[in-house]
Amino acid sequence: MPLRDNRKLQRSYLCRMAEDLAIGTGTKEEQYRSLLPQLQALLEGEPDLVANLANIAAALKEQFGWLWIGFYIVKNDELVLGPFQGPVACTRIKKGRGVCGTSWAEAKTLIVPDVEKFPGHIACSSLSKSEIVVPVIRNGEVVAVLDADSTALNEFDTTDQLYLEQIVNLIRF
């Protein structure tokens, strides 16, 4: 097959995969188990970081319907807004500030059942009631964080932590 035809077939396949995202039902764990192999397929063979982060954010937003889901990327010693789904967000966050900056500083996942009770919470949206932030760690350094906000209190738990940590491990930084 000529190279041009092969590329056309590959693009067609990748686009079809994105359009065919199957929204799972059932328990939260069952939804993640359904979504995980679909994300693996979306990321497979795609080298572009922005495209991959955007597709992960979109798939998670479609599956769970959270208020906001997206990435902040470490650049010049601050977190800079990356691909996301949801309302307009804070553009830059300093290390140790808010939930995202604290997750980055501590290099660990933070689950916040009620953002109003988190010291120094940065309210990008007054609609946000709970949050989870998962650091993306490569070679012992945090290179980004995945942030999810919900309009419900106590939305996130260890099931979200387990699967979101698996999802960020799929990303090639």
N, C-alpha and C. Protein backbone atom coordinates (compact mmCIF):
# COMPACT_ATOMS: atom_id res chain seq x y z
N MET A 1 0.85 -1.18 0.00
CA MET A 1 0.00 0.00 0.00
C MET A 1 0.89 1.24 0.00
N PRO A 2 0.66 2.21 -0.90
CA PRO A 2 1.45 3.43 -0.91
C PRO A 2 1.34 4.16 0.43
N LEU A 3 2.41 4.90 0.79
CA LEU A 3 2.48 5.60 2.06
C LEU A 3 1.30 6.55 2.26
N ARG A 4 0.93 7.27 1.21
CA ARG A 4 -0.17 8.23 1.32
C ARG A 4 -1.47 7.51 1.68
N ASP A 5 -1.75 6.37 1.05
CA ASP A 5 -2.97 5.61 1.35
C ASP A 5 -2.94 5.07 2.77
N ASN A 6 -1.77 4.65 3.23
CA ASN A 6 -1.63 4.13 4.59
C ASN A 6 -1.92 5.24 5.62
N ARG A 7 -1.42 6.46 5.38
CA ARG A 7 -1.69 7.57 6.29
C ARG A 7 -3.16 7.92 6.31
N LYS A 8 -3.79 7.90 5.14
CA LYS A 8 -5.21 8.20 5.05
C LYS A 8 -6.01 7.17 5.85
N LEU A 9 -5.66 5.90 5.72
CA LEU A 9 -6.33 4.83 6.46
C LEU A 9 -6.11 5.02 7.95
N GLN A 10 -4.87 5.35 8.36
CA GLN A 10 -4.56 5.55 9.77
C GLN A 10 -5.38 6.71 10.34
N ARG A 11 -5.44 7.85 9.64
CA ARG A 11 -6.23 8.99 10.11
C ARG A 11 -7.70 8.62 10.22
N SER A 12 -8.20 7.89 9.23
CA SER A 12 -9.59 7.47 9.24
C SER A 12 -9.87 6.60 10.46
N TYR A 13 -8.97 5.67 10.75
CA TYR A 13 -9.13 4.78 11.89
C TYR A 13 -9.12 5.57 13.20
N LEU A 14 -8.15 6.49 13.34
CA LEU A 14 -8.05 7.26 14.57
C LEU A 14 -9.28 8.14 14.77
N CYS A 15 -9.76 8.76 13.72
CA CYS A 15 -10.96 9.59 13.85
C CYS A 15 -12.16 8.74 14.22
N ARG A 16 -12.29 7.57 13.61
CA ARG A 16 -13.40 6.69 13.93
C ARG A 16 -13.35 6.27 15.39
N MET A 17 -12.14 6.00 15.91
CA MET A 17 -12.00 5.62 17.32
C MET A 17 -12.52 6.72 18.23
N ALA A 18 -12.17 7.97 17.93
CA ALA A 18 -12.59 9.09 18.77
C ALA A 18 -14.10 9.25 18.74
N GLU A 19 -14.69 9.08 17.57
CA GLU A 19 -16.14 9.24 17.45
C GLU A 19 -16.91 8.10 18.08
N ASP A 20 -16.26 6.97 18.27
CA ASP A 20 -16.93 5.79 18.79
C ASP A 20 -16.71 5.58 20.28
N LEU A 21 -16.38 6.63 21.03
CA LEU A 21 -16.21 6.49 22.47
C LEU A 21 -17.50 5.97 23.06
N ALA A 22 -17.41 4.84 23.72
CA ALA A 22 -18.60 4.24 24.34
C ALA A 22 -18.68 4.68 25.79
N ILE A 23 -19.75 5.38 26.11
CA ILE A 23 -19.96 5.84 27.48
C ILE A 23 -20.48 4.66 28.29
N GLY A 24 -19.71 4.29 29.31
CA GLY A 24 -20.06 3.13 30.14
C GLY A 24 -21.10 3.48 31.18
N THR A 25 -21.74 2.45 31.68
CA THR A 25 -22.71 2.60 32.76
C THR A 25 -22.29 1.68 33.90
N GLY A 26 -23.03 1.72 34.96
CA GLY A 26 -22.74 0.86 36.10
C GLY A 26 -22.06 1.63 37.20
N THR A 27 -21.34 0.91 38.04
CA THR A 27 -20.64 1.54 39.15
C THR A 27 -19.52 2.43 38.61
N LYS A 28 -19.00 3.26 39.47
CA LYS A 28 -17.88 4.12 39.08
C LYS A 28 -16.72 3.26 38.58
N GLU A 29 -16.41 2.18 39.29
CA GLU A 29 -15.32 1.31 38.88
C GLU A 29 -15.59 0.68 37.50
N GLU A 30 -16.81 0.26 37.26
CA GLU A 30 -17.15 -0.32 35.96
C GLU A 30 -17.00 0.72 34.84
N GLN A 31 -17.35 1.97 35.14
CA GLN A 31 -17.20 3.03 34.14
C GLN A 31 -15.73 3.26 33.81
N TYR A 32 -14.89 3.30 34.84
CA TYR A 32 -13.46 3.46 34.59
C TYR A 32 -12.90 2.27 33.82
N ARG A 33 -13.32 1.06 34.19
CA ARG A 33 -12.81 -0.14 33.51
C ARG A 33 -13.20 -0.15 32.03
N SER A 34 -14.35 0.41 31.72
CA SER A 34 -14.78 0.52 30.33
C SER A 34 -14.00 1.61 29.59
N LEU A 35 -13.71 2.69 30.29
CA LEU A 35 -13.05 3.83 29.66
C LEU A 35 -11.55 3.61 29.45
N LEU A 36 -10.89 2.94 30.37
CA LEU A 36 -9.43 2.79 30.33
C LEU A 36 -8.91 2.21 29.01
N PRO A 37 -9.44 1.08 28.52
CA PRO A 37 -8.92 0.56 27.24
C PRO A 37 -9.24 1.48 26.05
N GLN A 38 -10.32 2.23 26.15
CA GLN A 38 -10.64 3.17 25.08
C GLN A 38 -9.61 4.31 25.05
N LEU A 39 -9.21 4.77 26.23
CA LEU A 39 -8.17 5.80 26.29
C LEU A 39 -6.85 5.27 25.77
N GLN A 40 -6.52 4.03 26.14
CA GLN A 40 -5.29 3.42 25.63
C GLN A 40 -5.30 3.41 24.11
N ALA A 41 -6.43 3.05 23.51
CA ALA A 41 -6.54 3.00 22.05
C ALA A 41 -6.43 4.40 21.44
N LEU A 42 -7.02 5.40 22.10
CA LEU A 42 -6.93 6.78 21.59
C LEU A 42 -5.49 7.30 21.59
N LEU A 43 -4.74 6.94 22.64
CA LEU A 43 -3.37 7.44 22.78
C LEU A 43 -2.36 6.66 21.95
N GLU A 44 -2.69 5.41 21.66
CA GLU A 44 -1.75 4.55 20.94
C GLU A 44 -1.40 5.13 19.58
N GLY A 45 -0.12 5.32 19.37
CA GLY A 45 0.35 5.80 18.07
C GLY A 45 0.24 7.30 17.87
N GLU A 46 -0.32 8.03 18.84
CA GLU A 46 -0.41 9.49 18.69
C GLU A 46 0.68 10.13 19.54
N PRO A 47 1.67 10.76 18.89
CA PRO A 47 2.79 11.34 19.63
C PRO A 47 2.53 12.74 20.18
N ASP A 48 1.48 13.42 19.74
CA ASP A 48 1.28 14.81 20.13
C ASP A 48 0.68 14.91 21.55
N LEU A 49 1.43 15.54 22.45
CA LEU A 49 1.02 15.65 23.84
C LEU A 49 -0.29 16.42 23.99
N VAL A 50 -0.42 17.55 23.33
CA VAL A 50 -1.63 18.37 23.46
C VAL A 50 -2.86 17.60 22.99
N ALA A 51 -2.74 16.91 21.88
CA ALA A 51 -3.86 16.11 21.38
C ALA A 51 -4.25 15.04 22.39
N ASN A 52 -3.27 14.38 22.97
CA ASN A 52 -3.56 13.32 23.93
C ASN A 52 -4.19 13.86 25.21
N LEU A 53 -3.67 14.97 25.72
CA LEU A 53 -4.26 15.57 26.92
C LEU A 53 -5.68 16.04 26.65
N ALA A 54 -5.90 16.62 25.48
CA ALA A 54 -7.25 17.08 25.12
C ALA A 54 -8.23 15.92 25.04
N ASN A 55 -7.82 14.82 24.42
CA ASN A 55 -8.71 13.67 24.31
C ASN A 55 -9.00 13.03 25.66
N ILE A 56 -8.02 12.98 26.54
CA ILE A 56 -8.25 12.44 27.87
C ILE A 56 -9.27 13.31 28.61
N ALA A 57 -9.07 14.62 28.59
CA ALA A 57 -10.00 15.53 29.26
C ALA A 57 -11.41 15.39 28.70
N ALA A 58 -11.52 15.34 27.38
CA ALA A 58 -12.84 15.22 26.75
C ALA A 58 -13.52 13.90 27.11
N ALA A 59 -12.77 12.81 27.08
CA ALA A 59 -13.35 11.50 27.40
C ALA A 59 -13.82 11.45 28.85
N LEU A 60 -13.02 11.98 29.76
CA LEU A 60 -13.43 11.99 31.17
C LEU A 60 -14.65 12.88 31.40
N LYS A 61 -14.69 14.02 30.72
CA LYS A 61 -15.85 14.92 30.84
C LYS A 61 -17.11 14.23 30.31
N GLU A 62 -16.98 13.56 29.17
CA GLU A 62 -18.13 12.85 28.59
C GLU A 62 -18.60 11.72 29.50
N GLN A 63 -17.65 10.97 30.04
CA GLN A 63 -18.00 9.81 30.86
C GLN A 63 -18.63 10.21 32.20
N PHE A 64 -18.05 11.20 32.87
CA PHE A 64 -18.47 11.48 34.24
C PHE A 64 -19.25 12.78 34.42
N GLY A 65 -19.20 13.67 33.44
CA GLY A 65 -19.98 14.90 33.51
C GLY A 65 -19.56 15.87 34.60
N TRP A 66 -18.28 15.81 35.00
CA TRP A 66 -17.81 16.72 36.04
C TRP A 66 -17.86 18.16 35.55
N LEU A 67 -17.83 19.09 36.48
CA LEU A 67 -17.84 20.52 36.14
C LEU A 67 -16.63 20.89 35.29
N TRP A 68 -15.45 20.41 35.70
CA TRP A 68 -14.21 20.79 35.04
C TRP A 68 -13.23 19.63 35.11
N ILE A 69 -12.52 19.40 34.02
CA ILE A 69 -11.47 18.38 34.00
C ILE A 69 -10.39 18.85 33.04
N GLY A 70 -9.15 18.80 33.51
CA GLY A 70 -8.09 19.23 32.61
C GLY A 70 -6.72 19.12 33.25
N PHE A 71 -5.77 19.67 32.54
CA PHE A 71 -4.37 19.55 32.92
C PHE A 71 -3.75 20.92 33.14
N TYR A 72 -2.84 20.96 34.10
CA TYR A 72 -1.92 22.08 34.28
C TYR A 72 -0.53 21.50 34.08
N ILE A 73 0.29 22.17 33.29
CA ILE A 73 1.62 21.68 32.93
C ILE A 73 2.67 22.56 33.61
N VAL A 74 3.69 21.93 34.18
CA VAL A 74 4.77 22.66 34.84
C VAL A 74 5.62 23.34 33.76
N LYS A 75 5.69 24.67 33.85
CA LYS A 75 6.51 25.47 32.94
C LYS A 75 7.10 26.63 33.73
N ASN A 76 8.41 26.79 33.66
CA ASN A 76 9.08 27.91 34.33
C ASN A 76 8.66 28.05 35.79
N ASP A 77 8.66 26.94 36.50
CA ASP A 77 8.38 26.90 37.94
C ASP A 77 6.98 27.39 38.32
N GLU A 78 6.00 27.12 37.45
CA GLU A 78 4.60 27.35 37.79
C GLU A 78 3.75 26.40 36.96
N LEU A 79 2.52 26.19 37.40
CA LEU A 79 1.58 25.38 36.62
C LEU A 79 0.88 26.29 35.63
N VAL A 80 0.88 25.89 34.37
CA VAL A 80 0.23 26.67 33.31
C VAL A 80 -0.91 25.83 32.74
N LEU A 81 -2.05 26.48 32.57
CA LEU A 81 -3.24 25.80 32.06
C LEU A 81 -2.96 25.09 30.75
N GLY A 82 -3.38 23.83 30.67
CA GLY A 82 -3.27 23.03 29.46
C GLY A 82 -4.66 22.67 28.97
N PRO A 83 -4.77 21.63 28.15
CA PRO A 83 -6.07 21.22 27.62
C PRO A 83 -7.06 20.88 28.75
N PHE A 84 -8.30 21.34 28.57
CA PHE A 84 -9.33 21.10 29.58
C PHE A 84 -10.71 21.12 28.95
N GLN A 85 -11.70 20.69 29.73
CA GLN A 85 -13.11 20.76 29.38
C GLN A 85 -13.83 21.40 30.55
N GLY A 86 -14.65 22.40 30.29
CA GLY A 86 -15.40 23.06 31.34
C GLY A 86 -15.29 24.57 31.24
N PRO A 87 -15.75 25.27 32.29
CA PRO A 87 -15.70 26.73 32.28
C PRO A 87 -14.27 27.26 32.25
N VAL A 88 -14.14 28.54 31.91
CA VAL A 88 -12.85 29.22 31.89
C VAL A 88 -12.16 28.97 33.23
N ALA A 89 -10.83 28.79 33.18
CA ALA A 89 -10.09 28.40 34.38
C ALA A 89 -8.95 29.36 34.69
N CYS A 90 -8.39 29.19 35.87
CA CYS A 90 -7.18 29.93 36.26
C CYS A 90 -6.08 29.56 35.26
N THR A 91 -5.27 30.52 34.87
CA THR A 91 -4.25 30.29 33.87
C THR A 91 -2.93 29.82 34.46
N ARG A 92 -2.54 30.39 35.60
CA ARG A 92 -1.25 30.05 36.20
C ARG A 92 -1.43 29.85 37.71
N ILE A 93 -0.72 28.84 38.23
CA ILE A 93 -0.79 28.53 39.65
C ILE A 93 0.63 28.32 40.18
N LYS A 94 0.94 28.96 41.27
CA LYS A 94 2.26 28.83 41.90
C LYS A 94 2.36 27.52 42.69
N LYS A 95 3.56 27.02 42.82
CA LYS A 95 3.81 25.80 43.58
C LYS A 95 3.38 26.01 45.03
N GLY A 96 2.61 25.06 45.55
CA GLY A 96 2.14 25.12 46.92
C GLY A 96 0.85 25.90 47.11
N ARG A 97 0.32 26.51 46.06
CA ARG A 97 -0.92 27.30 46.17
C ARG A 97 -2.11 26.49 45.69
N GLY A 98 -3.19 26.55 46.43
CA GLY A 98 -4.41 25.84 46.06
C GLY A 98 -4.21 24.33 46.06
N VAL A 99 -5.20 23.62 45.58
CA VAL A 99 -5.13 22.16 45.55
C VAL A 99 -4.12 21.69 44.50
N CYS A 100 -4.14 22.31 43.33
CA CYS A 100 -3.21 21.91 42.26
C CYS A 100 -1.76 22.17 42.66
N GLY A 101 -1.49 23.35 43.16
CA GLY A 101 -0.13 23.69 43.55
C GLY A 101 0.38 22.87 44.72
N THR A 102 -0.54 22.48 45.62
CA THR A 102 -0.17 21.63 46.76
C THR A 102 0.12 20.21 46.29
N SER A 103 -0.71 19.70 45.38
CA SER A 103 -0.47 18.36 44.82
C SER A 103 0.89 18.32 44.13
N TRP A 104 1.21 19.38 43.39
CA TRP A 104 2.51 19.48 42.72
C TRP A 104 3.64 19.50 43.76
N ALA A 105 3.52 20.34 44.78
CA ALA A 105 4.57 20.48 45.79
C ALA A 105 4.79 19.18 46.56
N GLU A 106 3.70 18.46 46.85
CA GLU A 106 3.79 17.23 47.64
C GLU A 106 3.96 15.98 46.78
N ALA A 107 3.82 16.14 45.46
CA ALA A 107 3.93 15.03 44.51
C ALA A 107 3.03 13.87 44.91
N LYS A 108 1.78 14.20 45.27
CA LYS A 108 0.82 13.16 45.63
C LYS A 108 -0.59 13.59 45.25
N THR A 109 -1.45 12.60 45.07
CA THR A 109 -2.84 12.85 44.75
C THR A 109 -3.55 13.43 45.97
N LEU A 110 -4.35 14.46 45.72
CA LEU A 110 -5.15 15.07 46.78
C LEU A 110 -6.62 14.93 46.44
N ILE A 111 -7.39 14.42 47.38
CA ILE A 111 -8.84 14.34 47.26
C ILE A 111 -9.42 15.33 48.27
N VAL A 112 -10.21 16.27 47.78
CA VAL A 112 -10.79 17.31 48.63
C VAL A 112 -12.31 17.20 48.58
N PRO A 113 -12.92 16.65 49.65
CA PRO A 113 -14.37 16.45 49.66
C PRO A 113 -15.17 17.75 49.65
N ASP A 114 -14.60 18.82 50.24
CA ASP A 114 -15.26 20.12 50.30
C ASP A 114 -14.19 21.19 50.13
N VAL A 115 -14.17 21.81 48.96
CA VAL A 115 -13.11 22.78 48.65
C VAL A 115 -13.14 23.99 49.58
N GLU A 116 -14.29 24.30 50.16
CA GLU A 116 -14.38 25.44 51.08
C GLU A 116 -13.55 25.20 52.34
N LYS A 117 -13.27 23.94 52.65
CA LYS A 117 -12.51 23.61 53.85
C LYS A 117 -11.02 23.39 53.58
N PHE A 118 -10.60 23.58 52.32
CA PHE A 118 -9.19 23.42 51.98
C PHE A 118 -8.48 24.76 52.13
N PRO A 119 -7.50 24.84 53.04
CA PRO A 119 -6.80 26.12 53.25
C PRO A 119 -6.13 26.60 51.96
N GLY A 120 -6.44 27.83 51.57
CA GLY A 120 -5.82 28.42 50.39
C GLY A 120 -6.42 27.97 49.07
N HIS A 121 -7.62 27.35 49.11
CA HIS A 121 -8.25 26.91 47.86
C HIS A 121 -8.39 28.09 46.90
N ILE A 122 -8.05 27.86 45.64
CA ILE A 122 -8.20 28.86 44.59
C ILE A 122 -9.52 28.59 43.89
N ALA A 123 -10.46 29.50 44.01
CA ALA A 123 -11.79 29.30 43.44
C ALA A 123 -11.84 29.82 42.01
N CYS A 124 -11.49 28.96 41.07
CA CYS A 124 -11.62 29.34 39.65
C CYS A 124 -13.10 29.42 39.27
N SER A 125 -13.93 28.61 39.93
CA SER A 125 -15.38 28.65 39.72
C SER A 125 -16.07 28.48 41.06
N SER A 126 -17.03 29.33 41.34
CA SER A 126 -17.79 29.22 42.59
C SER A 126 -18.68 27.98 42.60
N LEU A 127 -18.85 27.35 41.44
CA LEU A 127 -19.68 26.14 41.36
C LEU A 127 -18.96 24.90 41.86
N SER A 128 -17.63 24.96 41.94
CA SER A 128 -16.85 23.80 42.36
C SER A 128 -17.05 23.54 43.85
N LYS A 129 -17.39 22.29 44.18
CA LYS A 129 -17.62 21.89 45.57
C LYS A 129 -16.60 20.86 46.06
N SER A 130 -16.13 20.00 45.16
CA SER A 130 -15.12 19.00 45.53
C SER A 130 -14.13 18.86 44.38
N GLU A 131 -12.96 18.26 44.70
CA GLU A 131 -11.89 18.26 43.71
C GLU A 131 -10.95 17.09 43.96
N ILE A 132 -10.34 16.62 42.88
CA ILE A 132 -9.24 15.67 42.96
C ILE A 132 -8.14 16.17 42.03
N VAL A 133 -6.90 16.10 42.51
CA VAL A 133 -5.76 16.49 41.68
C VAL A 133 -4.74 15.36 41.73
N VAL A 134 -4.34 14.89 40.54
CA VAL A 134 -3.42 13.77 40.39
C VAL A 134 -2.15 14.28 39.71
N PRO A 135 -0.99 14.16 40.37
CA PRO A 135 0.24 14.60 39.73
C PRO A 135 0.68 13.61 38.65
N VAL A 136 1.26 14.15 37.58
CA VAL A 136 1.88 13.33 36.54
C VAL A 136 3.37 13.38 36.82
N ILE A 137 3.93 12.24 37.23
CA ILE A 137 5.32 12.20 37.65
C ILE A 137 6.14 11.41 36.63
N ARG A 138 7.21 12.05 36.15
CA ARG A 138 8.14 11.39 35.23
C ARG A 138 9.56 11.62 35.75
N ASN A 139 10.33 10.54 35.82
CA ASN A 139 11.72 10.62 36.30
C ASN A 139 11.82 11.33 37.65
N GLY A 140 10.86 11.04 38.54
CA GLY A 140 10.88 11.59 39.88
C GLY A 140 10.45 13.03 40.01
N GLU A 141 10.00 13.64 38.91
CA GLU A 141 9.58 15.05 38.92
C GLU A 141 8.13 15.16 38.47
N VAL A 142 7.38 16.07 39.10
CA VAL A 142 6.02 16.36 38.65
C VAL A 142 6.13 17.23 37.41
N VAL A 143 5.55 16.76 36.30
CA VAL A 143 5.60 17.51 35.04
C VAL A 143 4.25 18.15 34.71
N ALA A 144 3.20 17.69 35.40
CA ALA A 144 1.85 18.22 35.17
C ALA A 144 0.95 17.69 36.29
N VAL A 145 -0.27 18.23 36.34
CA VAL A 145 -1.29 17.66 37.21
C VAL A 145 -2.58 17.54 36.42
N LEU A 146 -3.34 16.50 36.74
CA LEU A 146 -4.70 16.34 36.23
C LEU A 146 -5.63 16.82 37.32
N ASP A 147 -6.51 17.74 37.00
CA ASP A 147 -7.41 18.35 37.97
C ASP A 147 -8.84 18.09 37.55
N ALA A 148 -9.67 17.64 38.50
CA ALA A 148 -11.10 17.45 38.24
C ALA A 148 -11.89 18.11 39.35
N ASP A 149 -12.92 18.87 38.96
CA ASP A 149 -13.80 19.54 39.91
C ASP A 149 -15.24 19.09 39.68
N SER A 150 -15.98 19.00 40.77
CA SER A 150 -17.39 18.60 40.69
C SER A 150 -18.26 19.63 41.40
N THR A 151 -19.51 19.71 40.97
CA THR A 151 -20.48 20.58 41.64
C THR A 151 -21.05 19.91 42.89
N ALA A 152 -20.73 18.64 43.10
CA ALA A 152 -21.23 17.90 44.26
C ALA A 152 -20.14 17.78 45.33
N LEU A 153 -20.52 17.83 46.57
CA LEU A 153 -19.60 17.55 47.66
C LEU A 153 -19.26 16.07 47.66
N ASN A 154 -18.06 15.72 48.11
CA ASN A 154 -17.64 14.31 48.26
C ASN A 154 -17.75 13.49 46.98
N GLU A 155 -17.52 14.11 45.84
CA GLU A 155 -17.63 13.40 44.55
C GLU A 155 -16.52 12.38 44.36
N PHE A 156 -15.33 12.68 44.82
CA PHE A 156 -14.15 11.88 44.48
C PHE A 156 -13.71 11.01 45.66
N ASP A 157 -13.19 9.84 45.31
CA ASP A 157 -12.76 8.89 46.34
C ASP A 157 -11.56 8.10 45.85
N THR A 158 -11.21 7.04 46.58
CA THR A 158 -10.03 6.25 46.23
C THR A 158 -10.20 5.49 44.91
N THR A 159 -11.42 5.24 44.50
CA THR A 159 -11.65 4.62 43.18
C THR A 159 -11.20 5.58 42.09
N ASP A 160 -11.60 6.85 42.21
CA ASP A 160 -11.15 7.86 41.24
C ASP A 160 -9.62 7.95 41.27
N GLN A 161 -9.05 7.98 42.46
CA GLN A 161 -7.60 8.07 42.59
C GLN A 161 -6.91 6.92 41.86
N LEU A 162 -7.36 5.71 42.12
CA LEU A 162 -6.76 4.52 41.51
C LEU A 162 -6.76 4.61 39.99
N TYR A 163 -7.92 4.92 39.42
CA TYR A 163 -8.03 4.91 37.96
C TYR A 163 -7.45 6.16 37.30
N LEU A 164 -7.59 7.32 37.93
CA LEU A 164 -6.99 8.52 37.34
C LEU A 164 -5.47 8.42 37.37
N GLU A 165 -4.91 7.81 38.41
CA GLU A 165 -3.46 7.59 38.42
C GLU A 165 -3.04 6.64 37.30
N GLN A 166 -3.86 5.63 37.01
CA GLN A 166 -3.55 4.74 35.88
C GLN A 166 -3.64 5.51 34.56
N ILE A 167 -4.63 6.38 34.45
CA ILE A 167 -4.81 7.15 33.21
C ILE A 167 -3.62 8.08 32.98
N VAL A 168 -3.17 8.81 34.02
CA VAL A 168 -2.03 9.72 33.79
C VAL A 168 -0.76 8.95 33.48
N ASN A 169 -0.68 7.71 33.92
CA ASN A 169 0.50 6.89 33.59
C ASN A 169 0.53 6.48 32.13
N LEU A 170 -0.58 6.61 31.42
CA LEU A 170 -0.63 6.29 29.98
C LEU A 170 0.00 7.40 29.13
N ILE A 171 0.11 8.60 29.69
CA ILE A 171 0.54 9.76 28.92
C ILE A 171 2.05 9.76 28.73
N ARG A 172 2.48 9.96 27.48
CA ARG A 172 3.91 10.09 27.18
C ARG A 172 4.31 11.56 27.24
N PHE A 173 5.06 11.91 28.25
CA PHE A 173 5.57 13.28 28.38
C PHE A 173 7.00 13.30 27.89
